[in-house]
């Protein structure tokens, strides 16, 4: 008896996500042009966590566009899904909704399943677009997931809020090595160490971008 072939994550192509890629391509080449530095760093084999600072509502499109091999499962606040049609659209775009004000174990399980399936998880460690300075507030979710799943963290630094008809710079870093922390086991102290490593990585990326 024949069986249907399994679609591997890197070969997944859904209609709505493909349409979003087209929208991103149009935006990145017209109204909000984007220059991606070191885009080859996205040639990473899944599973991994792609993470970025949070500047605007366009950030998921900016982050998703250079990831050609996978359809990223972004983590987003549940408030975005209060309207049924938006919830339906975001669901088709694979968004994992999270309750930021409570311990959301269901969202955590979905994130872990995403990584176990060899996919890419998208996270904004700042948790909100309204922060005083780059990574002045870093939530521990990305660190917890990376350590539990033992997967790389790929940092993407968006230099500014998207500027209309002006070139926008996006810097894709190298995966953050967590092997030394993973070897220590999983506890609150290790989570804090990785969270601080994430913060320092983005601060270094900002400094390096200013030299270019």
N, C-alpha and C. Protein backbone atom coordinates (compact mmCIF):
# COMPACT_ATOMS: atom_id res chain seq x y z
N UNK A 1 0.86 -1.20 0.00
CA UNK A 1 0.00 0.00 0.00
C UNK A 1 0.89 1.24 0.00
N UNK A 2 0.64 2.18 -0.91
CA UNK A 2 1.45 3.38 -1.01
C UNK A 2 1.03 4.40 0.03
N UNK A 3 1.94 5.22 0.41
CA UNK A 3 1.65 6.29 1.36
C UNK A 3 2.05 7.62 0.76
N UNK A 4 1.41 8.70 1.23
CA UNK A 4 1.75 10.03 0.75
C UNK A 4 3.13 10.42 1.26
N UNK A 5 3.96 11.03 0.43
CA UNK A 5 5.28 11.45 0.88
C UNK A 5 5.17 12.54 1.92
N UNK A 6 6.07 12.51 2.89
CA UNK A 6 6.09 13.53 3.92
C UNK A 6 6.78 14.78 3.39
N UNK A 7 6.16 15.94 3.62
CA UNK A 7 6.75 17.21 3.20
C UNK A 7 7.73 17.66 4.27
N UNK A 8 9.00 17.73 3.93
CA UNK A 8 10.00 18.17 4.91
C UNK A 8 9.88 19.68 5.09
N UNK A 9 10.25 20.19 6.28
CA UNK A 9 10.07 21.62 6.56
C UNK A 9 10.72 22.54 5.53
N UNK A 10 11.91 22.17 5.03
CA UNK A 10 12.59 23.06 4.09
C UNK A 10 11.94 23.06 2.71
N UNK A 11 11.03 22.12 2.46
CA UNK A 11 10.33 22.09 1.18
C UNK A 11 8.89 22.59 1.29
N UNK A 12 8.52 23.01 2.47
CA UNK A 12 7.15 23.46 2.68
C UNK A 12 6.89 24.78 1.96
N UNK A 13 5.82 24.85 1.21
CA UNK A 13 5.42 26.07 0.54
C UNK A 13 3.90 26.18 0.61
N UNK A 14 3.38 27.03 1.48
CA UNK A 14 1.94 27.21 1.57
C UNK A 14 1.55 28.49 0.83
N UNK A 15 0.31 28.55 0.37
CA UNK A 15 -0.12 29.65 -0.49
C UNK A 15 -0.03 31.00 0.23
N UNK A 16 -0.59 31.09 1.42
CA UNK A 16 -0.62 32.38 2.12
C UNK A 16 0.78 32.86 2.47
N UNK A 17 1.63 31.95 2.91
CA UNK A 17 2.99 32.34 3.26
C UNK A 17 3.76 32.77 2.00
N UNK A 18 3.55 32.05 0.90
CA UNK A 18 4.19 32.44 -0.35
C UNK A 18 3.72 33.82 -0.79
N UNK A 19 2.43 34.10 -0.61
CA UNK A 19 1.89 35.42 -0.93
C UNK A 19 2.53 36.49 -0.05
N UNK A 20 2.74 36.17 1.22
CA UNK A 20 3.40 37.12 2.12
C UNK A 20 4.83 37.38 1.67
N UNK A 21 5.52 36.35 1.17
CA UNK A 21 6.87 36.54 0.64
C UNK A 21 6.86 37.52 -0.55
N UNK A 22 5.85 37.39 -1.39
CA UNK A 22 5.74 38.28 -2.56
C UNK A 22 5.51 39.72 -2.09
N UNK A 23 4.63 39.88 -1.10
CA UNK A 23 4.39 41.21 -0.54
C UNK A 23 5.69 41.78 0.03
N UNK A 24 6.44 40.93 0.74
CA UNK A 24 7.72 41.37 1.32
C UNK A 24 8.69 41.76 0.20
N UNK A 25 8.74 40.96 -0.86
CA UNK A 25 9.63 41.29 -1.98
C UNK A 25 9.28 42.64 -2.58
N UNK A 26 8.00 42.90 -2.78
CA UNK A 26 7.57 44.18 -3.35
C UNK A 26 7.96 45.33 -2.42
N UNK A 27 7.67 45.16 -1.13
CA UNK A 27 8.01 46.21 -0.17
C UNK A 27 9.50 46.45 -0.06
N UNK A 28 10.28 45.35 -0.06
CA UNK A 28 11.73 45.45 0.10
C UNK A 28 12.42 46.06 -1.13
N UNK A 29 11.72 46.08 -2.26
CA UNK A 29 12.33 46.61 -3.48
C UNK A 29 11.69 47.91 -3.96
N UNK A 30 10.70 48.40 -3.22
CA UNK A 30 10.02 49.62 -3.67
C UNK A 30 9.88 50.63 -2.54
N UNK A 31 8.81 50.52 -1.78
CA UNK A 31 8.47 51.56 -0.80
C UNK A 31 9.38 51.57 0.42
N UNK A 32 9.78 50.40 0.87
CA UNK A 32 10.66 50.30 2.04
C UNK A 32 11.87 49.43 1.69
N UNK A 33 12.76 49.94 0.84
CA UNK A 33 13.89 49.11 0.37
C UNK A 33 14.77 48.65 1.52
N UNK A 34 15.19 47.38 1.42
CA UNK A 34 16.00 46.77 2.48
C UNK A 34 17.28 46.22 1.88
N UNK A 35 18.39 46.48 2.56
CA UNK A 35 19.66 45.86 2.21
C UNK A 35 20.03 44.88 3.31
N UNK A 36 20.09 43.60 2.96
CA UNK A 36 20.43 42.56 3.92
C UNK A 36 21.94 42.30 3.89
N UNK A 37 22.59 42.42 5.02
CA UNK A 37 24.00 42.13 5.14
C UNK A 37 24.18 40.68 5.62
N UNK A 38 25.07 39.94 4.97
CA UNK A 38 25.37 38.55 5.35
C UNK A 38 24.14 37.65 5.29
N UNK A 39 23.39 37.78 4.21
CA UNK A 39 22.17 36.99 4.06
C UNK A 39 22.48 35.49 4.03
N UNK A 40 23.71 35.14 3.66
CA UNK A 40 24.09 33.72 3.60
C UNK A 40 24.02 33.04 4.96
N UNK A 41 23.99 33.83 6.03
CA UNK A 41 23.89 33.23 7.37
C UNK A 41 22.54 32.56 7.59
N UNK A 42 21.58 32.85 6.72
CA UNK A 42 20.28 32.19 6.81
C UNK A 42 20.31 30.79 6.18
N UNK A 43 21.45 30.41 5.59
CA UNK A 43 21.56 29.06 5.00
C UNK A 43 21.84 28.03 6.08
N UNK A 44 21.19 28.17 7.17
CA UNK A 44 21.38 27.31 8.34
C UNK A 44 20.38 26.17 8.26
N UNK A 45 20.82 24.99 8.64
CA UNK A 45 19.92 23.84 8.64
C UNK A 45 19.06 23.87 9.90
N UNK A 46 17.75 23.72 9.74
CA UNK A 46 16.87 23.70 10.89
C UNK A 46 17.04 22.42 11.70
N UNK A 47 16.60 22.44 12.92
CA UNK A 47 15.85 23.53 13.54
C UNK A 47 16.76 24.61 14.13
N UNK A 48 16.21 25.83 14.18
CA UNK A 48 16.90 26.90 14.88
C UNK A 48 15.89 28.01 15.20
N UNK A 49 16.33 28.96 16.01
CA UNK A 49 15.49 30.10 16.38
C UNK A 49 16.05 31.34 15.72
N UNK A 50 15.25 32.00 14.89
CA UNK A 50 15.62 33.28 14.30
C UNK A 50 15.03 34.37 15.20
N UNK A 51 15.85 35.31 15.60
CA UNK A 51 15.37 36.34 16.53
C UNK A 51 15.85 37.72 16.09
N UNK A 52 15.03 38.71 16.38
CA UNK A 52 15.33 40.06 15.94
C UNK A 52 14.87 41.06 16.99
N UNK A 53 15.51 42.23 16.96
CA UNK A 53 14.95 43.35 17.72
C UNK A 53 13.65 43.76 17.05
N UNK A 54 12.80 44.45 17.82
CA UNK A 54 11.43 44.72 17.35
C UNK A 54 11.24 46.21 17.13
N UNK A 55 11.12 46.62 15.86
CA UNK A 55 10.99 48.03 15.51
C UNK A 55 9.59 48.40 15.05
N UNK A 56 8.93 47.50 14.30
CA UNK A 56 7.64 47.84 13.71
C UNK A 56 6.85 46.58 13.41
N UNK A 57 5.60 46.79 12.97
CA UNK A 57 4.74 45.67 12.60
C UNK A 57 5.24 44.96 11.34
N UNK A 58 6.16 45.59 10.61
CA UNK A 58 6.71 44.98 9.40
C UNK A 58 7.86 44.02 9.69
N UNK A 59 8.30 43.96 10.93
CA UNK A 59 9.46 43.14 11.27
C UNK A 59 9.33 41.68 10.87
N UNK A 60 8.18 41.03 11.06
CA UNK A 60 8.09 39.63 10.63
C UNK A 60 8.36 39.44 9.14
N UNK A 61 7.86 40.38 8.31
CA UNK A 61 8.12 40.29 6.87
C UNK A 61 9.60 40.50 6.57
N UNK A 62 10.21 41.45 7.29
CA UNK A 62 11.64 41.72 7.09
C UNK A 62 12.46 40.50 7.49
N UNK A 63 12.07 39.84 8.55
CA UNK A 63 12.82 38.69 9.05
C UNK A 63 12.56 37.45 8.21
N UNK A 64 11.34 37.30 7.70
CA UNK A 64 10.98 36.10 6.95
C UNK A 64 11.57 36.09 5.55
N UNK A 65 11.70 37.25 4.93
CA UNK A 65 12.09 37.30 3.51
C UNK A 65 13.42 36.61 3.22
N UNK A 66 14.50 36.87 3.98
CA UNK A 66 15.78 36.24 3.62
C UNK A 66 15.87 34.76 3.98
N UNK A 67 14.88 34.24 4.70
CA UNK A 67 14.88 32.82 5.05
C UNK A 67 14.18 32.06 3.93
N UNK A 68 14.96 31.62 2.96
CA UNK A 68 14.39 31.01 1.75
C UNK A 68 14.01 29.55 1.94
N UNK A 69 14.69 28.85 2.85
CA UNK A 69 14.51 27.40 2.96
C UNK A 69 13.30 27.00 3.80
N UNK A 70 12.87 27.89 4.70
CA UNK A 70 11.82 27.52 5.66
C UNK A 70 10.74 28.59 5.74
N UNK A 71 9.58 28.15 6.18
CA UNK A 71 8.51 29.08 6.54
C UNK A 71 8.56 29.25 8.06
N UNK A 72 8.93 30.44 8.50
CA UNK A 72 9.15 30.68 9.93
C UNK A 72 7.83 30.67 10.69
N UNK A 73 7.84 30.00 11.84
CA UNK A 73 6.71 30.03 12.78
C UNK A 73 6.99 31.15 13.79
N UNK A 74 6.34 32.29 13.63
CA UNK A 74 6.57 33.41 14.53
C UNK A 74 5.73 33.29 15.79
N UNK A 75 6.31 33.74 16.88
CA UNK A 75 5.58 33.83 18.15
C UNK A 75 5.05 35.25 18.26
N UNK A 76 3.74 35.40 18.47
CA UNK A 76 3.12 36.72 18.56
C UNK A 76 2.11 36.79 19.69
N UNK A 77 1.90 37.99 20.19
CA UNK A 77 0.98 38.18 21.31
C UNK A 77 -0.46 37.87 20.88
N UNK A 78 -1.23 37.30 21.80
CA UNK A 78 -2.58 36.87 21.48
C UNK A 78 -3.50 38.04 21.17
N UNK A 79 -3.11 39.26 21.62
CA UNK A 79 -3.94 40.44 21.34
C UNK A 79 -4.09 40.70 19.84
N UNK A 80 -3.15 40.19 19.06
CA UNK A 80 -3.21 40.38 17.61
C UNK A 80 -4.36 39.59 16.98
N UNK A 81 -4.90 38.62 17.70
CA UNK A 81 -5.91 37.73 17.13
C UNK A 81 -7.31 38.01 17.64
N UNK A 82 -7.54 39.23 18.16
CA UNK A 82 -8.86 39.51 18.74
C UNK A 82 -9.96 39.60 17.68
N UNK A 83 -9.59 39.88 16.42
CA UNK A 83 -10.56 39.86 15.33
C UNK A 83 -10.44 38.54 14.59
N UNK A 84 -11.57 37.93 14.33
CA UNK A 84 -11.59 36.57 13.79
C UNK A 84 -10.84 36.47 12.46
N UNK A 85 -11.03 37.44 11.56
CA UNK A 85 -10.40 37.33 10.25
C UNK A 85 -8.88 37.48 10.35
N UNK A 86 -8.43 38.31 11.29
CA UNK A 86 -6.99 38.45 11.50
C UNK A 86 -6.42 37.17 12.10
N UNK A 87 -7.16 36.60 13.06
CA UNK A 87 -6.73 35.35 13.67
C UNK A 87 -6.61 34.25 12.63
N UNK A 88 -7.56 34.21 11.71
CA UNK A 88 -7.54 33.20 10.65
C UNK A 88 -6.33 33.39 9.73
N UNK A 89 -6.06 34.66 9.38
CA UNK A 89 -4.92 34.96 8.50
C UNK A 89 -3.60 34.60 9.18
N UNK A 90 -3.45 35.03 10.43
CA UNK A 90 -2.21 34.75 11.15
C UNK A 90 -2.01 33.26 11.38
N UNK A 91 -3.12 32.54 11.54
CA UNK A 91 -3.03 31.10 11.68
C UNK A 91 -2.49 30.45 10.41
N UNK A 92 -2.93 30.95 9.25
CA UNK A 92 -2.43 30.43 7.98
C UNK A 92 -0.97 30.79 7.77
N UNK A 93 -0.51 31.85 8.47
CA UNK A 93 0.91 32.23 8.41
C UNK A 93 1.71 31.54 9.51
N UNK A 94 1.11 30.56 10.15
CA UNK A 94 1.77 29.70 11.14
C UNK A 94 2.07 30.41 12.48
N UNK A 95 1.44 31.55 12.76
CA UNK A 95 1.79 32.25 13.99
C UNK A 95 1.38 31.45 15.22
N UNK A 96 2.25 31.42 16.21
CA UNK A 96 1.98 30.80 17.50
C UNK A 96 1.61 31.91 18.48
N UNK A 97 0.38 31.94 18.93
CA UNK A 97 -0.05 33.01 19.82
C UNK A 97 0.35 32.69 21.26
N UNK A 98 0.76 33.73 21.97
CA UNK A 98 1.20 33.55 23.35
C UNK A 98 0.56 34.61 24.23
N UNK A 99 0.16 34.20 25.41
CA UNK A 99 -0.36 35.11 26.43
C UNK A 99 0.84 35.64 27.22
N UNK A 100 1.20 36.88 26.97
CA UNK A 100 2.41 37.45 27.58
C UNK A 100 2.25 37.72 29.07
N UNK A 101 1.01 37.73 29.55
CA UNK A 101 0.75 38.12 30.94
C UNK A 101 0.58 36.92 31.87
N UNK A 102 0.63 35.72 31.29
CA UNK A 102 0.49 34.51 32.09
C UNK A 102 1.46 33.46 31.57
N UNK A 103 1.68 32.44 32.37
CA UNK A 103 2.54 31.34 31.95
C UNK A 103 1.78 30.50 30.92
N UNK A 104 2.15 30.64 29.66
CA UNK A 104 1.42 30.01 28.56
C UNK A 104 2.10 28.70 28.17
N UNK A 105 1.74 27.63 28.85
CA UNK A 105 2.37 26.33 28.60
C UNK A 105 1.99 25.77 27.23
N UNK A 106 0.78 26.09 26.78
CA UNK A 106 0.35 25.60 25.47
C UNK A 106 1.22 26.18 24.37
N UNK A 107 1.52 27.48 24.46
CA UNK A 107 2.39 28.11 23.47
C UNK A 107 3.80 27.54 23.55
N UNK A 108 4.28 27.29 24.76
CA UNK A 108 5.61 26.70 24.92
C UNK A 108 5.68 25.33 24.26
N UNK A 109 4.63 24.53 24.41
CA UNK A 109 4.61 23.20 23.80
C UNK A 109 4.62 23.30 22.27
N UNK A 110 3.88 24.27 21.73
CA UNK A 110 3.85 24.45 20.28
C UNK A 110 5.22 24.88 19.76
N UNK A 111 5.88 25.74 20.52
CA UNK A 111 7.23 26.18 20.13
C UNK A 111 8.19 25.00 20.13
N UNK A 112 8.12 24.18 21.16
CA UNK A 112 9.00 23.02 21.24
C UNK A 112 8.70 22.03 20.12
N UNK A 113 7.43 21.84 19.80
CA UNK A 113 7.08 20.93 18.72
C UNK A 113 7.61 21.45 17.38
N UNK A 114 7.53 22.77 17.19
CA UNK A 114 8.06 23.39 15.98
C UNK A 114 9.53 23.05 15.80
N UNK A 115 10.29 23.15 16.88
CA UNK A 115 11.73 22.87 16.82
C UNK A 115 12.00 21.37 16.67
N UNK A 116 11.22 20.55 17.35
CA UNK A 116 11.41 19.10 17.22
C UNK A 116 11.15 18.63 15.80
N UNK A 117 10.26 19.34 15.09
CA UNK A 117 9.93 18.97 13.71
C UNK A 117 10.97 19.47 12.71
N UNK A 118 12.01 20.13 13.21
CA UNK A 118 13.07 20.61 12.32
C UNK A 118 12.78 21.94 11.67
N UNK A 119 11.85 22.70 12.22
CA UNK A 119 11.45 23.97 11.62
C UNK A 119 12.22 25.14 12.23
N UNK A 120 11.85 26.34 11.78
CA UNK A 120 12.45 27.58 12.29
C UNK A 120 11.40 28.35 13.08
N UNK A 121 11.79 28.75 14.28
CA UNK A 121 10.93 29.52 15.15
C UNK A 121 11.39 30.97 15.13
N UNK A 122 10.46 31.90 14.99
CA UNK A 122 10.78 33.33 14.98
C UNK A 122 10.35 34.00 16.27
N UNK A 123 11.27 34.68 16.93
CA UNK A 123 10.99 35.31 18.22
C UNK A 123 11.56 36.72 18.24
N UNK A 124 10.83 37.64 18.88
CA UNK A 124 11.33 38.98 19.16
C UNK A 124 11.59 39.06 20.66
N UNK A 125 12.85 38.90 21.08
CA UNK A 125 13.17 38.78 22.51
C UNK A 125 12.75 39.98 23.36
N UNK A 126 12.62 41.16 22.73
CA UNK A 126 12.19 42.33 23.49
C UNK A 126 10.72 42.24 23.89
N UNK A 127 9.96 41.42 23.17
CA UNK A 127 8.57 41.18 23.53
C UNK A 127 7.61 42.26 23.10
N UNK A 128 8.10 43.46 22.79
CA UNK A 128 7.25 44.57 22.40
C UNK A 128 8.05 45.54 21.57
N UNK A 129 7.35 46.37 20.79
CA UNK A 129 8.04 47.38 19.99
C UNK A 129 8.37 48.62 20.81
N UNK A 130 7.80 48.72 22.01
CA UNK A 130 7.95 49.94 22.80
C UNK A 130 8.98 49.72 23.90
N UNK A 131 10.26 49.85 23.55
CA UNK A 131 11.34 49.70 24.53
C UNK A 131 12.20 50.96 24.52
N UNK A 132 12.82 51.24 25.66
CA UNK A 132 13.61 52.46 25.80
C UNK A 132 14.84 52.45 24.92
N UNK A 133 15.50 51.30 24.81
CA UNK A 133 16.73 51.19 24.02
C UNK A 133 16.86 49.75 23.57
N UNK A 134 17.76 49.52 22.64
CA UNK A 134 17.95 48.17 22.09
C UNK A 134 18.21 47.16 23.20
N UNK A 135 17.36 46.17 23.27
CA UNK A 135 17.47 45.06 24.22
C UNK A 135 17.60 45.54 25.67
N UNK A 136 17.02 46.70 25.97
CA UNK A 136 17.00 47.15 27.37
C UNK A 136 16.12 46.23 28.20
N UNK A 137 15.17 45.57 27.54
CA UNK A 137 14.34 44.55 28.17
C UNK A 137 14.40 43.30 27.29
N UNK A 138 14.86 42.21 27.85
CA UNK A 138 14.96 40.96 27.09
C UNK A 138 14.21 39.87 27.85
N UNK A 139 13.18 39.32 27.22
CA UNK A 139 12.45 38.23 27.85
C UNK A 139 13.26 36.93 27.73
N UNK A 140 13.03 36.02 28.64
CA UNK A 140 13.84 34.81 28.71
C UNK A 140 13.36 33.68 27.79
N UNK A 141 12.23 33.89 27.09
CA UNK A 141 11.65 32.82 26.30
C UNK A 141 12.58 32.21 25.28
N UNK A 142 13.31 33.06 24.54
CA UNK A 142 14.22 32.54 23.51
C UNK A 142 15.31 31.68 24.13
N UNK A 143 15.84 32.13 25.26
CA UNK A 143 16.90 31.38 25.94
C UNK A 143 16.38 30.04 26.45
N UNK A 144 15.20 30.05 27.04
CA UNK A 144 14.60 28.82 27.57
C UNK A 144 14.41 27.80 26.45
N UNK A 145 13.84 28.24 25.34
CA UNK A 145 13.57 27.32 24.22
C UNK A 145 14.86 26.80 23.60
N UNK A 146 15.84 27.69 23.42
CA UNK A 146 17.10 27.27 22.82
C UNK A 146 17.79 26.22 23.68
N UNK A 147 17.77 26.42 24.99
CA UNK A 147 18.43 25.48 25.89
C UNK A 147 17.67 24.16 25.98
N UNK A 148 16.36 24.24 26.04
CA UNK A 148 15.57 23.01 26.15
C UNK A 148 15.66 22.17 24.87
N UNK A 149 15.64 22.85 23.72
CA UNK A 149 15.68 22.13 22.44
C UNK A 149 17.10 21.95 21.93
N UNK A 150 18.06 22.65 22.55
CA UNK A 150 19.47 22.60 22.15
C UNK A 150 19.62 22.96 20.67
N UNK A 151 19.12 24.14 20.31
CA UNK A 151 19.18 24.60 18.92
C UNK A 151 19.90 25.95 18.86
N UNK A 152 20.46 26.30 17.70
CA UNK A 152 21.15 27.59 17.55
C UNK A 152 20.17 28.76 17.59
N UNK A 153 20.72 29.92 17.93
CA UNK A 153 19.99 31.18 17.88
C UNK A 153 20.61 32.05 16.80
N UNK A 154 19.82 32.45 15.81
CA UNK A 154 20.32 33.28 14.72
C UNK A 154 19.87 34.73 14.94
N UNK A 155 20.78 35.65 15.26
CA UNK A 155 20.39 37.03 15.54
C UNK A 155 20.30 37.87 14.27
N UNK A 156 19.24 38.69 14.19
CA UNK A 156 19.05 39.61 13.07
C UNK A 156 18.80 41.00 13.64
N UNK A 157 19.66 41.93 13.29
CA UNK A 157 19.56 43.29 13.81
C UNK A 157 18.98 44.22 12.75
N UNK A 158 17.82 44.80 13.05
CA UNK A 158 17.16 45.77 12.16
C UNK A 158 17.56 47.16 12.66
N UNK A 159 18.26 47.90 11.81
CA UNK A 159 18.90 49.13 12.28
C UNK A 159 17.90 50.23 12.64
N UNK A 160 16.84 50.37 11.85
CA UNK A 160 15.86 51.44 12.09
C UNK A 160 14.45 50.91 11.86
N UNK A 161 13.48 51.72 12.29
CA UNK A 161 12.12 51.46 11.82
C UNK A 161 12.11 51.65 10.31
N UNK A 162 11.29 50.85 9.60
CA UNK A 162 11.27 50.99 8.14
C UNK A 162 11.02 52.43 7.71
N UNK A 163 11.88 52.93 6.82
CA UNK A 163 11.78 54.31 6.37
C UNK A 163 11.32 54.35 4.92
N UNK A 164 10.31 55.12 4.65
CA UNK A 164 9.68 55.17 3.34
C UNK A 164 10.64 55.72 2.30
N UNK A 165 10.86 54.92 1.23
CA UNK A 165 11.70 55.28 0.10
C UNK A 165 13.15 55.58 0.48
N UNK A 166 13.58 55.06 1.61
CA UNK A 166 14.98 55.18 2.03
C UNK A 166 15.51 53.78 2.33
N UNK A 167 16.77 53.55 2.04
CA UNK A 167 17.34 52.23 2.24
C UNK A 167 17.39 51.88 3.72
N UNK A 168 16.91 50.70 4.04
CA UNK A 168 16.89 50.20 5.41
C UNK A 168 17.92 49.07 5.53
N UNK A 169 18.71 49.11 6.59
CA UNK A 169 19.80 48.16 6.77
C UNK A 169 19.42 47.07 7.77
N UNK A 170 19.63 45.83 7.36
CA UNK A 170 19.35 44.67 8.22
C UNK A 170 20.61 43.80 8.25
N UNK A 171 21.07 43.48 9.45
CA UNK A 171 22.31 42.72 9.62
C UNK A 171 22.00 41.34 10.19
N UNK A 172 22.44 40.32 9.48
CA UNK A 172 22.20 38.93 9.90
C UNK A 172 23.50 38.39 10.48
N UNK A 173 23.47 38.08 11.77
CA UNK A 173 24.68 37.63 12.44
C UNK A 173 24.90 36.13 12.29
N UNK A 174 25.98 35.68 12.86
CA UNK A 174 26.26 34.25 12.90
C UNK A 174 25.52 33.62 14.08
N UNK A 175 25.20 32.34 14.00
CA UNK A 175 24.48 31.68 15.10
C UNK A 175 25.24 31.82 16.42
N UNK A 176 24.48 32.06 17.47
CA UNK A 176 25.07 32.17 18.81
C UNK A 176 25.39 30.78 19.33
N UNK A 177 26.62 30.56 19.72
CA UNK A 177 27.05 29.26 20.25
C UNK A 177 26.56 29.11 21.69
N UNK A 178 25.77 28.07 21.93
CA UNK A 178 25.26 27.83 23.28
C UNK A 178 25.78 26.52 23.86
N UNK A 179 26.75 25.90 23.19
CA UNK A 179 27.22 24.57 23.60
C UNK A 179 27.76 24.59 25.03
N UNK A 180 28.48 25.66 25.40
CA UNK A 180 29.05 25.72 26.74
C UNK A 180 27.98 25.81 27.80
N UNK A 181 26.89 26.53 27.49
CA UNK A 181 25.80 26.67 28.45
C UNK A 181 24.95 25.41 28.51
N UNK A 182 24.71 24.79 27.36
CA UNK A 182 23.94 23.55 27.34
C UNK A 182 24.60 22.47 28.17
N UNK A 183 25.95 22.47 28.17
CA UNK A 183 26.69 21.46 28.92
C UNK A 183 26.52 21.62 30.43
N UNK A 184 26.08 22.79 30.87
CA UNK A 184 25.91 23.04 32.30
C UNK A 184 24.57 22.54 32.83
N UNK A 185 23.69 22.10 31.93
CA UNK A 185 22.36 21.70 32.36
C UNK A 185 21.41 22.87 32.25
N UNK A 186 20.18 22.65 32.70
CA UNK A 186 19.14 23.68 32.55
C UNK A 186 18.71 24.17 33.93
N UNK A 187 18.96 25.45 34.20
CA UNK A 187 18.46 26.07 35.42
C UNK A 187 18.35 27.56 35.20
N UNK A 188 17.83 28.28 36.18
CA UNK A 188 17.57 29.71 36.03
C UNK A 188 18.84 30.50 35.76
N UNK A 189 19.94 30.09 36.38
CA UNK A 189 21.20 30.81 36.19
C UNK A 189 21.71 30.70 34.75
N UNK A 190 21.60 29.51 34.18
CA UNK A 190 22.03 29.31 32.80
C UNK A 190 21.14 30.10 31.85
N UNK A 191 19.85 30.11 32.12
CA UNK A 191 18.91 30.89 31.31
C UNK A 191 19.30 32.37 31.33
N UNK A 192 19.63 32.89 32.51
CA UNK A 192 20.02 34.29 32.63
C UNK A 192 21.32 34.56 31.88
N UNK A 193 22.25 33.62 31.92
CA UNK A 193 23.52 33.80 31.20
C UNK A 193 23.28 33.89 29.69
N UNK A 194 22.41 33.02 29.18
CA UNK A 194 22.13 33.06 27.75
C UNK A 194 21.34 34.31 27.38
N UNK A 195 20.43 34.71 28.22
CA UNK A 195 19.67 35.93 27.97
C UNK A 195 20.60 37.14 27.88
N UNK A 196 21.58 37.20 28.76
CA UNK A 196 22.56 38.29 28.71
C UNK A 196 23.43 38.16 27.46
N UNK A 197 23.76 36.95 27.06
CA UNK A 197 24.55 36.75 25.84
C UNK A 197 23.77 37.26 24.63
N UNK A 198 22.47 37.03 24.61
CA UNK A 198 21.62 37.53 23.53
C UNK A 198 21.68 39.06 23.50
N UNK A 199 21.53 39.68 24.66
CA UNK A 199 21.55 41.14 24.74
C UNK A 199 22.88 41.69 24.24
N UNK A 200 23.97 41.11 24.70
CA UNK A 200 25.28 41.59 24.31
C UNK A 200 25.54 41.38 22.82
N UNK A 201 25.02 40.31 22.25
CA UNK A 201 25.17 40.06 20.82
C UNK A 201 24.54 41.18 20.01
N UNK A 202 23.34 41.58 20.38
CA UNK A 202 22.67 42.65 19.63
C UNK A 202 23.36 43.99 19.83
N UNK A 203 23.87 44.25 21.01
CA UNK A 203 24.59 45.50 21.24
C UNK A 203 25.86 45.55 20.38
N UNK A 204 26.56 44.41 20.27
CA UNK A 204 27.74 44.36 19.41
C UNK A 204 27.36 44.56 17.94
N UNK A 205 26.26 43.96 17.53
CA UNK A 205 25.83 44.11 16.14
C UNK A 205 25.49 45.57 15.84
N UNK A 206 24.89 46.26 16.81
CA UNK A 206 24.61 47.68 16.61
C UNK A 206 25.89 48.47 16.46
N UNK A 207 26.86 48.19 17.33
CA UNK A 207 28.13 48.90 17.25
C UNK A 207 28.83 48.64 15.93
N UNK A 208 28.81 47.41 15.47
CA UNK A 208 29.47 47.07 14.21
C UNK A 208 28.75 47.73 13.03
N UNK A 209 27.43 47.85 13.11
CA UNK A 209 26.68 48.47 12.02
C UNK A 209 27.01 49.95 11.88
N UNK A 210 27.33 50.60 12.98
CA UNK A 210 27.67 52.03 12.96
C UNK A 210 29.01 52.30 12.31
N UNK A 211 29.84 51.26 12.20
CA UNK A 211 31.16 51.42 11.59
C UNK A 211 31.13 51.25 10.08
N UNK A 212 30.00 50.79 9.56
CA UNK A 212 29.92 50.50 8.13
C UNK A 212 29.50 51.75 7.35
